[in-house]
Amino acid sequence: MTQADTAAALRAAQDNLWMHFTRHSSYADGEVPMIVRGDGAYIYDAHGKRYLDGLAGLFVVQVGHGRSELAEAAAKQAQELAFFPLWSYAHPKAAELAARLAALTPGDLNRVFFTTGGGEAVESAWKLAKQYFKIKGKPLKHKVISRSIAYHGTPQGALSITGIPALKQVFEPLVPGSHRAPNTNYYRADEITGFPGLSEEAFGRWAADQIGKAIEMEGPDTVAAVFVEPVQNAGGCFPPPPGYFQRLREICDQHDVLLVSDEVICAFGRLGTMFGGQKFDYQPDIITCAKGMTSGYAPIGAMIASERLFEPFKDGTEMFAHGYTFGGHPVAAAVALANLDLFEREDLLGHVTRNEPVFRATLEKLLDLPIVGNVRGSGYFYGIELVKDKTTKETFNEEESERLLRGFLSKALYDAGLYCRADDRGDPVVQLAPPLICGPAEFDEIESILRGVLTEAWNRL
């Protein structure tokens, strides 16, 4: 970009662009950060400064930035067929991608309903669950159980399923029928359960059983689905304790409730497996996914359903009266296929699996800092919880969290050359999810930047 182009873009960002989840007052006296280029694991701003992309954009850019193969796949498809909807018609790339995904999913999850993003995929799954049970003669089954602090998207239904009150209050009333159960934050297990000293296995059993109790409290004949992420994002990367998902599968089967695995973040290699449920050996009834399907080179999402959920729609007059204009867009589908080719050619799943212990060990070096209470996660998806007192696990109050995360950490990490997320939707955490092409050199760079900034944060308290 020329100097004049840069100035014009910065002015347009100030005057016309309404950014997502953004406090615009933060930039009242300064320019909006402007990212203009990406290359591998790095991004560059309008002034030429380089940053390590420690969040893969937004848990998205699995294969890294600047992959010409994906750009070429998009251009080729746009020349051949730029757009056609999937409303009673098909096009080759959507059909090919559906078959490719069905071959990669566990069990009989063979039916792929395309959306343009993850929130739409969650919305689609809840709507399908409601209609499926009405068709099956169980019209009262419409409610959903999800977990505390879990984030499932911004559409009205997906936001209802979300377990973060602060994100929901200004948009209420929302869709009724969504209820909450505890999450799998083992670091806070003592205070969550009221039973000090539980093993991980015992805590996992307890947490799964709380979902069972929520189903029983609402009445099993009224509950359609349980929505859970393989590793819960909001709150800071809560992995499941051993046996948790096996027990949850038993509970859902017992009550004829669908188990929906929300893998908008965890699918497509983020945990070292193509789908997150495969990492923890459980079989869902529906998978919702998006983000890494194209590594962000084009927008696409999907609800992938088991064959039995599609069965009522195969014959007769039943129709799932739901869809999106751009769902399964030909260009996005072509990019997704090229992206999956890259996964295979470069063995990205194997790369993540081999390097996961190195990533964890590198981040765990930060546990010697007084502000770091816990490091947790799986694959290339980690959260670092920040505390005021490591012995008592005391967290920060509202004013301290505001001053620490928004007032210092987010900008300081960025200024130091690391793009990641400082988040306090639960307890304060720093979240990391680098591109899957990263290795020990990038891990060391992440740790070094974090060490310097977190040390300064502690000194400011």
Protein backbone atom coordinates (compact mmCIF):
# COMPACT_ATOMS: atom_id res chain seq x y z
CA MET A 1 0.00 0.00 0.00
CA THR A 2 1.18 3.54 -0.74
CA GLN A 3 1.34 6.07 2.07
CA ALA A 4 -1.79 7.73 0.70
CA ASP A 5 -3.65 4.38 0.50
CA THR A 6 -2.68 3.59 4.09
CA ALA A 7 -3.88 6.96 5.33
CA ALA A 8 -7.19 6.55 3.47
CA ALA A 9 -7.76 3.06 4.89
CA LEU A 10 -7.00 4.22 8.42
CA ARG A 11 -9.40 7.15 8.07
CA ALA A 12 -12.15 4.88 6.68
CA ALA A 13 -11.67 2.52 9.63
CA GLN A 14 -12.17 5.46 12.00
CA ASP A 15 -15.11 7.05 10.18
CA ASN A 16 -17.07 4.22 8.56
CA LEU A 17 -16.13 0.75 9.76
CA TRP A 18 -18.19 -0.77 12.59
CA MET A 19 -15.93 -3.48 13.99
CA HIS A 20 -17.13 -6.61 15.76
CA PHE A 21 -16.98 -6.97 19.56
CA THR A 22 -15.07 -3.69 19.70
CA ARG A 23 -15.03 -0.76 22.08
CA HIS A 24 -14.62 2.00 19.52
CA SER A 25 -13.77 4.46 22.27
CA SER A 26 -10.45 2.65 22.57
CA TYR A 27 -9.38 4.26 19.30
CA ALA A 28 -10.81 7.73 19.84
CA ASP A 29 -7.35 9.22 20.24
CA GLY A 30 -5.37 6.75 18.16
CA GLU A 31 -5.54 4.81 14.93
CA VAL A 32 -7.27 1.47 14.49
CA PRO A 33 -4.74 -1.38 14.09
CA MET A 34 -4.70 -2.21 10.39
CA ILE A 35 -3.46 -5.64 9.24
CA VAL A 36 -2.56 -5.62 5.56
CA ARG A 37 -0.67 -8.85 4.85
CA GLY A 38 0.00 -12.36 6.12
CA ASP A 39 2.80 -14.82 5.47
CA GLY A 40 2.95 -18.22 7.16
CA ALA A 41 2.54 -17.74 10.90
CA TYR A 42 3.00 -13.96 10.73
CA ILE A 43 0.88 -10.91 9.96
CA TYR A 44 1.99 -7.37 9.07
CA ASP A 45 0.36 -4.05 9.86
CA ALA A 46 0.01 -0.97 7.66
CA HIS A 47 3.35 0.35 8.89
CA GLY A 48 5.23 -2.86 8.03
CA LYS A 49 5.56 -4.19 11.59
CA ARG A 50 5.48 -8.00 11.92
CA TYR A 51 3.47 -9.93 14.52
CA LEU A 52 3.27 -13.63 15.31
CA ASP A 53 -0.33 -14.69 14.76
CA GLY A 54 -0.86 -16.52 18.03
CA LEU A 55 -4.60 -16.94 17.48
CA ALA A 56 -4.65 -18.06 13.82
CA GLY A 57 -6.79 -15.01 13.10
CA LEU A 58 -9.64 -16.26 15.25
CA PHE A 59 -8.88 -20.00 15.59
CA VAL A 60 -9.13 -20.16 11.79
CA VAL A 61 -5.96 -19.97 9.68
CA GLN A 62 -4.86 -23.59 10.12
CA VAL A 63 -2.48 -23.78 7.13
CA GLY A 64 -1.02 -20.31 7.63
CA HIS A 65 -1.29 -17.08 5.68
CA GLY A 66 -0.39 -16.50 2.06
CA ARG A 67 -1.11 -19.96 0.62
CA SER A 68 -1.33 -19.36 -3.11
CA GLU A 69 -2.92 -22.79 -3.71
CA LEU A 70 -6.06 -21.69 -1.91
CA ALA A 71 -6.25 -18.36 -3.69
CA GLU A 72 -5.85 -20.15 -7.04
CA ALA A 73 -8.60 -22.64 -6.17
CA ALA A 74 -10.93 -19.74 -5.43
CA ALA A 75 -10.10 -17.93 -8.67
CA LYS A 76 -10.52 -21.04 -10.80
CA GLN A 77 -13.91 -21.85 -9.30
CA ALA A 78 -15.14 -18.25 -9.58
CA GLN A 79 -14.43 -18.32 -13.30
CA GLU A 80 -16.27 -21.62 -13.74
CA LEU A 81 -19.28 -21.10 -11.46
CA ALA A 82 -19.13 -18.17 -9.05
CA PHE A 83 -22.47 -18.78 -7.36
CA PHE A 84 -25.46 -21.04 -7.25
CA PRO A 85 -27.66 -21.82 -4.23
CA LEU A 86 -28.30 -25.25 -2.76
CA TRP A 87 -32.05 -24.65 -2.71
CA SER A 88 -33.35 -27.75 -4.54
CA TYR A 89 -30.24 -27.77 -6.76
CA ALA A 90 -26.70 -28.99 -6.26
CA HIS A 91 -23.35 -27.98 -7.65
CA PRO A 92 -20.27 -30.23 -7.94
CA LYS A 93 -18.04 -28.62 -5.32
CA ALA A 94 -20.65 -28.73 -2.56
CA ALA A 95 -21.43 -32.37 -3.37
CA GLU A 96 -17.73 -33.28 -3.47
CA LEU A 97 -17.02 -31.48 -0.21
CA ALA A 98 -20.00 -33.15 1.50
CA ALA A 99 -18.70 -36.58 0.46
CA ARG A 100 -15.17 -35.67 1.60
CA LEU A 101 -16.39 -34.54 5.01
CA ALA A 102 -18.64 -37.58 5.44
CA ALA A 103 -15.62 -39.82 4.84
CA LEU A 104 -13.70 -38.00 7.58
CA THR A 105 -16.39 -37.87 10.27
CA PRO A 106 -16.83 -40.59 12.89
CA GLY A 107 -19.67 -43.10 12.66
CA ASP A 108 -22.61 -42.42 10.38
CA LEU A 109 -22.43 -38.61 10.30
CA ASN A 110 -22.99 -38.61 6.56
CA ARG A 111 -25.35 -35.69 5.96
CA VAL A 112 -23.74 -32.28 5.51
CA PHE A 113 -25.88 -29.12 5.71
CA PHE A 114 -23.76 -26.12 4.69
CA THR A 115 -23.90 -22.68 6.29
CA THR A 116 -21.61 -19.66 6.02
CA GLY A 117 -20.32 -19.75 9.61
CA GLY A 118 -20.30 -21.42 12.99
CA GLY A 119 -23.18 -19.59 14.66
CA GLU A 120 -25.41 -20.52 11.73
CA ALA A 121 -24.33 -24.15 12.07
CA VAL A 122 -25.35 -24.12 15.76
CA GLU A 123 -28.64 -22.45 14.86
CA SER A 124 -29.26 -25.12 12.23
CA ALA A 125 -28.54 -27.95 14.68
CA TRP A 126 -31.08 -26.68 17.23
CA LYS A 127 -33.73 -26.24 14.54
CA LEU A 128 -33.10 -29.74 13.20
CA ALA A 129 -33.34 -31.22 16.71
CA LYS A 130 -36.71 -29.55 17.27
CA GLN A 131 -38.16 -30.65 13.95
CA TYR A 132 -36.75 -34.18 14.19
CA PHE A 133 -38.48 -34.88 17.48
CA LYS A 134 -41.76 -33.39 16.26
CA ILE A 135 -41.64 -35.74 13.27
CA LYS A 136 -40.87 -38.65 15.60
CA GLY A 137 -43.96 -37.95 17.69
CA LYS A 138 -42.20 -36.23 20.60
CA PRO A 139 -43.28 -32.61 20.07
CA LEU A 140 -42.38 -31.43 23.58
CA LYS A 141 -38.67 -32.15 23.06
CA HIS A 142 -37.30 -28.70 22.19
CA LYS A 143 -35.02 -27.61 25.05
CA VAL A 144 -31.23 -27.50 25.07
CA ILE A 145 -28.68 -28.02 27.84
CA SER A 146 -25.31 -26.30 27.44
CA ARG A 147 -22.51 -25.39 29.83
CA SER A 148 -21.66 -22.40 31.97
CA ILE A 149 -19.53 -19.72 30.24
CA ALA A 150 -19.66 -21.64 26.92
CA TYR A 151 -19.90 -19.53 23.76
CA HIS A 152 -21.92 -20.91 20.85
CA GLY A 153 -22.48 -17.93 18.54
CA THR A 154 -24.37 -14.69 17.93
CA PRO A 155 -27.65 -15.61 16.13
CA GLN A 156 -30.62 -15.49 18.48
CA GLY A 157 -30.81 -19.26 18.99
CA ALA A 158 -27.07 -19.78 19.28
CA LEU A 159 -26.83 -16.83 21.66
CA SER A 160 -29.55 -18.40 23.80
CA ILE A 161 -27.43 -21.55 24.04
CA THR A 162 -24.40 -19.44 25.00
CA GLY A 163 -23.65 -19.47 28.72
CA ILE A 164 -22.18 -15.97 29.13
CA PRO A 165 -24.80 -13.66 30.70
CA ALA A 166 -22.95 -10.43 29.86
CA LEU A 167 -23.10 -11.17 26.13
CA LYS A 168 -26.82 -11.88 26.22
CA GLN A 169 -28.48 -9.28 28.44
CA VAL A 170 -28.76 -6.43 25.95
CA PHE A 171 -30.38 -8.74 23.36
CA GLU A 172 -33.00 -10.33 25.60
CA PRO A 173 -35.59 -11.71 25.37
CA LEU A 174 -33.93 -14.55 23.52
CA VAL A 175 -35.18 -17.94 22.32
CA PRO A 176 -36.66 -19.80 25.30
CA GLY A 177 -35.71 -23.33 26.26
CA SER A 178 -31.97 -23.14 26.89
CA HIS A 179 -30.58 -24.24 30.27
CA ARG A 180 -27.13 -24.39 31.80
CA ALA A 181 -24.99 -27.00 33.59
CA PRO A 182 -21.43 -26.77 35.00
CA ASN A 183 -18.42 -26.88 32.69
CA THR A 184 -15.21 -28.93 33.04
CA ASN A 185 -12.91 -26.36 34.66
CA TYR A 186 -10.86 -28.76 36.79
CA TYR A 187 -8.67 -25.89 38.05
CA ARG A 188 -11.77 -24.58 39.88
CA ALA A 189 -13.25 -28.01 40.68
CA ASP A 190 -13.20 -27.51 44.46
CA GLU A 191 -15.37 -24.40 44.34
CA ILE A 192 -17.57 -25.65 41.47
CA THR A 193 -18.44 -28.95 43.13
CA GLY A 194 -18.07 -28.17 46.83
CA PHE A 195 -16.11 -31.42 47.16
CA PRO A 196 -12.39 -30.65 47.66
CA GLY A 197 -9.76 -32.98 46.27
CA LEU A 198 -11.72 -34.80 43.56
CA SER A 199 -9.60 -36.67 41.01
CA GLU A 200 -9.97 -35.64 37.37
CA GLU A 201 -11.98 -38.78 36.69
CA ALA A 202 -14.31 -38.18 39.64
CA PHE A 203 -14.77 -34.54 38.64
CA GLY A 204 -15.55 -35.57 35.06
CA ARG A 205 -18.18 -38.02 36.28
CA TRP A 206 -19.68 -35.32 38.51
CA ALA A 207 -19.75 -32.73 35.69
CA ALA A 208 -21.39 -35.12 33.23
CA ASP A 209 -23.94 -36.18 35.84
CA GLN A 210 -24.91 -32.53 36.36
CA ILE A 211 -26.02 -32.44 32.73
CA GLY A 212 -28.03 -35.58 33.43
CA LYS A 213 -29.63 -33.89 36.42
CA ALA A 214 -30.45 -30.82 34.31
CA ILE A 215 -32.20 -33.06 31.79
CA GLU A 216 -34.15 -34.73 34.58
CA MET A 217 -35.02 -31.37 36.17
CA GLU A 218 -36.47 -30.07 32.90
CA GLY A 219 -38.06 -33.42 32.09
CA PRO A 220 -36.46 -35.77 29.55
CA ASP A 221 -39.57 -35.56 27.39
CA THR A 222 -38.87 -31.82 26.88
CA VAL A 223 -35.10 -31.86 26.20
CA ALA A 224 -33.95 -32.26 22.59
CA ALA A 225 -30.18 -31.78 22.72
CA VAL A 226 -27.02 -31.16 24.70
CA PHE A 227 -24.51 -28.76 23.09
CA VAL A 228 -20.87 -29.11 24.17
CA GLU A 229 -17.46 -28.24 22.73
CA PRO A 230 -14.72 -30.91 22.85
CA VAL A 231 -12.51 -28.28 24.54
CA GLN A 232 -14.58 -25.36 25.82
CA ASN A 233 -13.27 -22.07 24.48
CA ALA A 234 -14.78 -19.32 26.65
CA GLY A 235 -13.31 -19.32 30.13
CA GLY A 236 -9.96 -20.41 28.78
CA CYS A 237 -9.72 -23.83 27.12
CA PHE A 238 -11.35 -26.37 29.43
CA PRO A 239 -10.44 -29.90 28.26
CA PRO A 240 -12.71 -32.79 29.26
CA PRO A 241 -11.61 -34.98 32.18
CA PRO A 242 -11.07 -38.67 31.38
CA GLY A 243 -14.37 -40.49 30.88
CA TYR A 244 -16.45 -37.31 30.72
CA PHE A 245 -17.73 -37.69 27.17
CA GLN A 246 -18.31 -41.43 27.54
CA ARG A 247 -20.56 -40.75 30.53
CA LEU A 248 -22.29 -37.90 28.67
CA ARG A 249 -22.98 -40.21 25.73
CA GLU A 250 -24.62 -42.71 28.14
CA ILE A 251 -26.79 -39.97 29.63
CA CYS A 252 -27.95 -38.71 26.25
CA ASP A 253 -28.78 -42.23 25.09
CA GLN A 254 -30.66 -42.92 28.31
CA HIS A 255 -32.92 -39.90 27.83
CA ASP A 256 -33.17 -39.93 24.00
CA VAL A 257 -31.35 -36.60 23.80
CA LEU A 258 -29.10 -35.62 20.88
CA LEU A 259 -25.43 -35.00 21.64
CA VAL A 260 -24.23 -32.03 19.57
CA SER A 261 -20.47 -31.56 19.37
CA ASP A 262 -19.85 -27.88 18.69
CA GLU A 263 -16.52 -28.03 16.88
CA VAL A 264 -16.45 -24.62 15.26
CA ILE A 265 -13.00 -24.19 16.84
CA CYS A 266 -11.95 -27.77 17.59
CA ALA A 267 -12.44 -29.35 14.15
CA PHE A 268 -9.94 -29.39 11.28
CA GLY A 269 -6.77 -30.15 13.16
CA ARG A 270 -6.91 -27.71 16.07
CA LEU A 271 -6.60 -30.65 18.52
CA GLY A 272 -4.52 -32.85 16.22
CA THR A 273 -7.52 -34.77 14.84
CA MET A 274 -9.80 -33.86 11.96
CA PHE A 275 -12.76 -33.61 14.34
CA GLY A 276 -12.54 -32.82 18.03
CA GLY A 277 -14.65 -35.72 19.19
CA GLN A 278 -12.10 -38.10 17.70
CA LYS A 279 -9.48 -36.73 20.12
CA PHE A 280 -11.61 -37.80 23.08
CA ASP A 281 -13.21 -40.91 21.57
CA TYR A 282 -16.90 -40.04 21.59
CA GLN A 283 -19.59 -40.28 18.94
CA PRO A 284 -21.91 -37.27 18.60
CA ASP A 285 -25.22 -37.16 16.77
CA ILE A 286 -24.41 -33.80 15.17
CA ILE A 287 -21.17 -31.90 14.58
CA THR A 288 -21.22 -28.15 14.01
CA CYS A 289 -18.09 -26.76 12.35
CA ALA A 290 -16.72 -23.82 10.36
CA LYS A 291 -13.51 -21.74 10.76
CA GLY A 292 -10.67 -24.11 9.82
CA MET A 293 -12.60 -25.83 7.02
CA THR A 294 -11.13 -23.32 4.58
CA SER A 295 -8.40 -21.98 6.91
CA GLY A 296 -10.29 -18.72 6.59
CA TYR A 297 -9.64 -18.24 2.87
CA ALA A 298 -13.41 -18.20 2.28
CA PRO A 299 -16.38 -18.27 4.68
CA ILE A 300 -18.14 -21.60 5.18
CA GLY A 301 -19.65 -23.70 7.96
CA ALA A 302 -21.61 -26.91 8.28
CA MET A 303 -23.97 -28.93 10.41
CA ILE A 304 -23.07 -32.59 9.92
CA ALA A 305 -25.84 -34.95 11.04
CA SER A 306 -26.12 -38.67 11.56
CA GLU A 307 -27.99 -40.73 9.01
CA ARG A 308 -30.87 -41.40 11.43
CA LEU A 309 -31.58 -37.68 11.73
CA PHE A 310 -31.84 -37.38 7.97
CA GLU A 311 -34.02 -40.49 7.65
CA PRO A 312 -37.40 -38.75 8.15
CA PHE A 313 -36.57 -36.33 5.31
CA LYS A 314 -35.70 -38.98 2.71
CA ASP A 315 -39.26 -39.88 1.73
CA GLY A 316 -42.68 -38.29 1.61
CA THR A 317 -43.33 -34.57 1.99
CA GLU A 318 -41.11 -33.68 4.98
CA MET A 319 -38.73 -30.79 4.37
CA PHE A 320 -36.19 -29.04 6.58
CA ALA A 321 -37.40 -25.52 5.79
CA HIS A 322 -34.14 -23.84 6.56
CA GLY A 323 -31.18 -22.54 4.58
CA TYR A 324 -28.79 -19.72 3.71
CA THR A 325 -28.24 -17.97 0.40
CA PHE A 326 -24.49 -18.43 0.59
CA GLY A 327 -24.42 -21.81 2.35
CA GLY A 328 -22.07 -24.16 0.51
CA HIS A 329 -20.96 -21.36 -1.84
CA PRO A 330 -19.10 -22.85 -4.84
CA VAL A 331 -15.96 -20.78 -4.28
CA ALA A 332 -15.85 -21.54 -0.55
CA ALA A 333 -16.41 -25.25 -1.20
CA ALA A 334 -13.58 -25.32 -3.73
CA VAL A 335 -11.27 -23.61 -1.24
CA ALA A 336 -12.26 -26.10 1.47
CA LEU A 337 -11.36 -29.02 -0.80
CA ALA A 338 -7.98 -27.46 -1.59
CA ASN A 339 -7.45 -26.83 2.12
CA LEU A 340 -8.11 -30.50 2.93
CA ASP A 341 -5.64 -31.44 0.22
CA LEU A 342 -3.03 -29.36 2.04
CA PHE A 343 -3.85 -31.11 5.31
CA GLU A 344 -3.09 -34.46 3.71
CA ARG A 345 -0.05 -33.41 1.71
CA GLU A 346 1.65 -31.73 4.66
CA ASP A 347 0.41 -34.17 7.35
CA LEU A 348 -0.82 -31.32 9.52
CA LEU A 349 -2.66 -33.66 11.89
CA GLY A 350 0.53 -35.58 12.51
CA HIS A 351 2.47 -32.34 12.87
CA VAL A 352 0.13 -31.08 15.60
CA THR A 353 0.13 -34.43 17.40
CA ARG A 354 3.93 -34.60 17.41
CA ASN A 355 4.37 -31.00 18.54
CA GLU A 356 1.56 -30.78 21.10
CA PRO A 357 3.81 -31.94 23.99
CA VAL A 358 6.42 -29.36 22.97
CA PHE A 359 3.86 -26.54 22.86
CA ARG A 360 2.49 -27.49 26.26
CA ALA A 361 5.93 -27.80 27.84
CA THR A 362 6.99 -24.43 26.43
CA LEU A 363 3.90 -22.69 27.79
CA GLU A 364 4.27 -24.46 31.15
CA LYS A 365 7.60 -22.70 31.63
CA LEU A 366 5.45 -19.64 32.42
CA LEU A 367 4.17 -21.33 35.59
CA ASP A 368 7.20 -19.92 37.39
CA LEU A 369 5.63 -16.45 37.09
CA PRO A 370 3.54 -15.36 40.10
CA ILE A 371 0.68 -14.20 37.85
CA VAL A 372 0.27 -17.54 36.01
CA GLY A 373 -2.02 -19.93 37.86
CA ASN A 374 -2.80 -22.58 35.27
CA VAL A 375 -1.90 -23.70 31.74
CA ARG A 376 -4.51 -25.92 30.10
CA GLY A 377 -5.75 -27.05 26.72
CA SER A 378 -5.13 -29.59 23.99
CA GLY A 379 -3.45 -29.74 20.59
CA TYR A 380 -2.70 -26.19 19.44
CA PHE A 381 -5.40 -24.67 21.67
CA TYR A 382 -4.33 -23.39 25.09
CA GLY A 383 -5.40 -20.99 27.81
CA ILE A 384 -3.19 -19.44 30.47
CA GLU A 385 -5.19 -18.41 33.54
CA LEU A 386 -3.96 -15.36 35.41
CA VAL A 387 -4.36 -15.08 39.18
CA LYS A 388 -3.59 -12.69 42.02
CA ASP A 389 -2.52 -15.48 44.37
CA LYS A 390 -1.29 -18.85 43.11
CA THR A 391 -1.74 -20.57 46.48
CA THR A 392 -5.38 -19.61 46.98
CA LYS A 393 -6.17 -19.30 43.23
CA GLU A 394 -7.64 -15.87 43.99
CA THR A 395 -8.68 -14.11 40.81
CA PHE A 396 -8.90 -10.43 39.98
CA ASN A 397 -11.86 -8.23 40.84
CA GLU A 398 -13.78 -6.36 38.14
CA GLU A 399 -11.70 -3.20 38.34
CA GLU A 400 -8.40 -5.09 38.33
CA SER A 401 -9.48 -7.26 35.42
CA GLU A 402 -10.54 -4.20 33.44
CA ARG A 403 -7.24 -2.48 34.13
CA LEU A 404 -5.12 -5.59 33.55
CA LEU A 405 -6.71 -7.11 30.44
CA ARG A 406 -8.21 -4.24 28.48
CA GLY A 407 -6.11 -1.47 29.94
CA PHE A 408 -2.73 -3.15 29.53
CA LEU A 409 -2.37 -6.77 28.43
CA SER A 410 -4.11 -6.81 25.05
CA LYS A 411 -2.26 -3.78 23.71
CA ALA A 412 1.03 -4.68 25.37
CA LEU A 413 1.08 -8.16 23.83
CA TYR A 414 0.28 -6.71 20.43
CA ASP A 415 2.92 -4.01 20.77
CA ALA A 416 5.44 -6.70 21.73
CA GLY A 417 4.72 -8.56 18.48
CA LEU A 418 2.18 -11.20 19.51
CA TYR A 419 -1.41 -11.22 18.33
CA CYS A 420 -3.48 -13.30 20.76
CA ARG A 421 -6.46 -12.84 23.06
CA ALA A 422 -6.68 -11.62 26.64
CA ASP A 423 -10.16 -12.67 27.72
CA ASP A 424 -12.22 -12.40 30.91
CA ARG A 425 -15.55 -13.94 29.90
CA GLY A 426 -14.76 -16.28 32.80
CA ASP A 427 -11.66 -15.83 34.92
CA PRO A 428 -8.90 -13.79 33.19
CA VAL A 429 -6.95 -15.82 30.64
CA VAL A 430 -4.62 -15.41 27.69
CA GLN A 431 -5.70 -17.67 24.82
CA LEU A 432 -3.38 -19.13 22.21
CA ALA A 433 -4.21 -21.03 19.03
CA PRO A 434 -1.44 -20.52 16.46
CA PRO A 435 -1.55 -21.77 12.86
CA LEU A 436 -1.02 -25.53 12.66
CA ILE A 437 2.19 -25.04 10.68
CA CYS A 438 3.94 -23.62 13.77
CA GLY A 439 6.68 -25.48 15.61
CA PRO A 440 9.23 -25.08 18.42
CA ALA A 441 10.69 -21.81 17.09
CA GLU A 442 7.28 -20.11 17.12
CA PHE A 443 6.47 -21.64 20.53
CA ASP A 444 9.66 -20.16 21.98
CA GLU A 445 8.81 -16.76 20.52
CA ILE A 446 5.32 -16.91 22.05
CA GLU A 447 6.73 -17.86 25.46
CA SER A 448 9.36 -15.13 25.37
CA ILE A 449 6.87 -12.38 24.54
CA LEU A 450 4.37 -13.62 27.11
CA ARG A 451 7.05 -13.80 29.79
CA GLY A 452 8.07 -10.20 29.30
CA VAL A 453 4.55 -8.77 29.14
CA LEU A 454 3.15 -10.86 32.02
CA THR A 455 6.09 -9.88 34.19
CA GLU A 456 5.34 -6.24 33.49
CA ALA A 457 1.62 -6.85 34.19
CA TRP A 458 2.47 -8.29 37.62
CA ASN A 459 4.69 -5.32 38.41
CA ARG A 460 1.79 -2.99 37.60
CA LEU A 461 -0.61 -4.61 40.06
